[in-house]
Protein backbone atom coordinates (compact mmCIF):
# COMPACT_ATOMS: atom_id res chain seq x y z
CA UNK A 1 -0.09 0.45 -0.32
CA UNK A 2 1.46 3.79 -0.86
CA UNK A 3 0.77 6.43 1.03
CA UNK A 4 -0.76 9.33 -0.55
CA UNK A 5 1.19 12.59 0.10
CA UNK A 6 -0.49 15.20 2.17
CA UNK A 7 -2.09 18.28 0.02
CA UNK A 8 -1.57 21.47 1.94
CA UNK A 9 -3.72 24.85 0.52
CA UNK A 10 -2.60 28.09 0.92
CA UNK A 11 -2.81 31.55 -0.31
CA UNK A 12 0.12 32.73 -2.67
CA UNK A 13 2.58 35.12 -1.12
CA UNK A 14 4.39 36.78 -3.27
CA UNK A 15 7.53 35.16 -2.60
CA UNK A 16 5.89 32.29 -5.07
CA UNK A 17 5.61 34.15 -7.93
CA UNK A 18 8.75 32.93 -10.02
CA UNK A 19 7.30 29.30 -8.96
CA UNK A 20 3.71 30.62 -9.98
CA UNK A 21 5.67 31.45 -13.00
CA UNK A 22 7.67 28.57 -14.43
CA UNK A 23 4.08 26.33 -13.57
CA UNK A 24 2.40 27.97 -15.22
CA UNK A 25 4.24 28.73 -17.82
CA UNK A 26 5.22 24.46 -18.38
CA UNK A 27 1.35 24.31 -18.22
CA UNK A 28 0.74 26.34 -20.93
CA UNK A 29 3.34 24.54 -23.28
CA UNK A 30 1.54 20.92 -22.17
CA UNK A 31 -1.34 21.87 -22.85
CA UNK A 32 -2.00 24.20 -25.45
CA UNK A 33 0.88 22.88 -27.64
CA UNK A 34 -1.37 20.99 -30.30
CA UNK A 35 -3.13 24.30 -31.01
CA UNK A 36 -1.57 27.51 -30.51
CA UNK A 37 1.25 28.21 -33.65
CA UNK A 38 5.13 27.28 -31.02
CA UNK A 39 6.26 30.63 -31.51
CA UNK A 40 3.51 31.62 -29.31
CA UNK A 41 4.87 30.32 -26.33
CA UNK A 42 7.82 30.80 -26.88
CA UNK A 43 8.24 34.03 -26.16
CA UNK A 44 6.64 33.00 -22.50
CA UNK A 45 8.99 34.57 -20.17
CA UNK A 46 9.15 33.35 -17.14
CA UNK A 47 10.99 36.64 -16.00
CA UNK A 48 7.87 38.66 -17.92
CA UNK A 49 5.63 36.01 -16.12
CA UNK A 50 7.12 36.03 -12.42
CA UNK A 51 7.09 40.35 -12.36
CA UNK A 52 3.32 40.42 -13.66
CA UNK A 53 2.01 37.48 -10.80
CA UNK A 54 4.52 39.44 -8.83
CA UNK A 55 2.63 42.72 -9.06
CA UNK A 56 -0.66 40.46 -8.91
CA UNK A 57 0.36 39.19 -5.61
CA UNK A 58 1.49 41.90 -4.28
CA UNK A 59 -0.80 44.45 -4.97
CA UNK A 60 -4.58 43.06 -5.30
CA UNK A 61 -6.79 45.84 -5.78
CA UNK A 62 -4.71 47.10 -8.42
CA UNK A 63 -5.80 43.58 -10.02
CA UNK A 64 -9.81 42.89 -9.81
CA UNK A 65 -8.90 41.85 -6.18
CA UNK A 66 -7.20 38.77 -7.07
CA UNK A 67 -7.04 36.02 -4.58
CA UNK A 68 -3.66 33.68 -5.48
CA UNK A 69 -4.83 30.04 -3.84
CA UNK A 70 -1.65 27.22 -4.01
CA UNK A 71 -2.29 23.22 -3.58
CA UNK A 72 1.33 21.92 -2.84
CA UNK A 73 2.94 18.14 -2.44
CA UNK A 74 6.17 18.20 -0.18
CA UNK A 75 7.23 21.96 -1.50
CA UNK A 76 6.14 21.16 -4.99
CA UNK A 77 3.05 22.87 -6.26
CA UNK A 78 0.55 20.55 -7.40
CA UNK A 79 -2.13 22.74 -8.96
CA UNK A 80 -3.32 26.66 -8.72
CA UNK A 81 -6.12 29.03 -9.53
CA UNK A 82 -7.03 32.28 -8.65
CA UNK A 83 -10.04 34.13 -8.17
CA UNK A 84 -11.33 37.99 -8.06
CA UNK A 85 -14.38 40.18 -8.32
CA UNK A 86 -16.23 39.93 -11.94
CA UNK A 87 -15.30 43.01 -14.43
CA UNK A 88 -17.70 41.59 -17.00
CA UNK A 89 -20.66 44.03 -15.37
CA UNK A 90 -23.39 41.77 -18.28
CA UNK A 91 -22.52 38.47 -15.67
CA UNK A 92 -22.39 40.86 -12.93
CA UNK A 93 -25.89 42.11 -13.18
CA UNK A 94 -26.50 38.22 -14.14
CA UNK A 95 -25.21 37.74 -9.74
CA UNK A 96 -21.93 36.75 -10.67
CA UNK A 97 -20.12 38.35 -8.26
CA UNK A 98 -16.70 37.21 -9.07
CA UNK A 99 -14.30 35.44 -11.82
CA UNK A 100 -11.99 32.33 -12.12
CA UNK A 101 -9.17 34.06 -14.37
CA UNK A 102 -6.79 30.51 -13.82
CA UNK A 103 -6.84 27.41 -13.30
CA UNK A 104 -4.11 25.09 -13.80
CA UNK A 105 -3.09 21.43 -12.23
CA UNK A 106 0.13 19.39 -12.58
CA UNK A 107 -1.29 16.46 -14.87
CA UNK A 108 0.58 13.94 -12.38
CA UNK A 109 -2.34 15.76 -9.00
CA UNK A 110 -5.83 15.81 -12.08
CA UNK A 111 -8.14 13.78 -12.05
CA UNK A 112 -8.48 13.62 -8.38
CA UNK A 113 -10.67 16.84 -7.11
CA UNK A 114 -8.13 18.44 -6.78
CA UNK A 115 -9.20 21.18 -9.18
CA UNK A 116 -12.79 21.68 -7.48
CA UNK A 117 -10.66 22.06 -4.16
CA UNK A 118 -9.02 24.57 -5.19
C-alpha cells in the first residue's frame, strides 16, 4: 500500500511569483501546444510572468482583487487558482460576483478532485 502525500492549501505570497510563473508556463506548453502556434509559447518568459504574478500578489486591489491559492505536495506546486471580482458588467448584472481567471492542476494530480478543491 502506498502512502498518499498530504496536499497543503494556502494563499500565494509574492515570494511564490517565480514558482507560479514556471508552473504556469510549463502547463501552457503541455496543454496548449497542440492548438497554439509554437512561436506564441516560445515568446513567453519566466521573467515576464514572474513580474506579472509579483504585481498581482503584491497589490491585488489593482488587479480585480485577485486572490491566488496554491495546492502543494511536499513543497511542489500541484495546482493553483486565481479568482477576483467580476470584470464583466453583464455577468455582474446576472449575479456572478466573482471571476476565475486561472486554474491549473499538474497532470500528475489531475482527476483527483484537486481543481475543485482549489
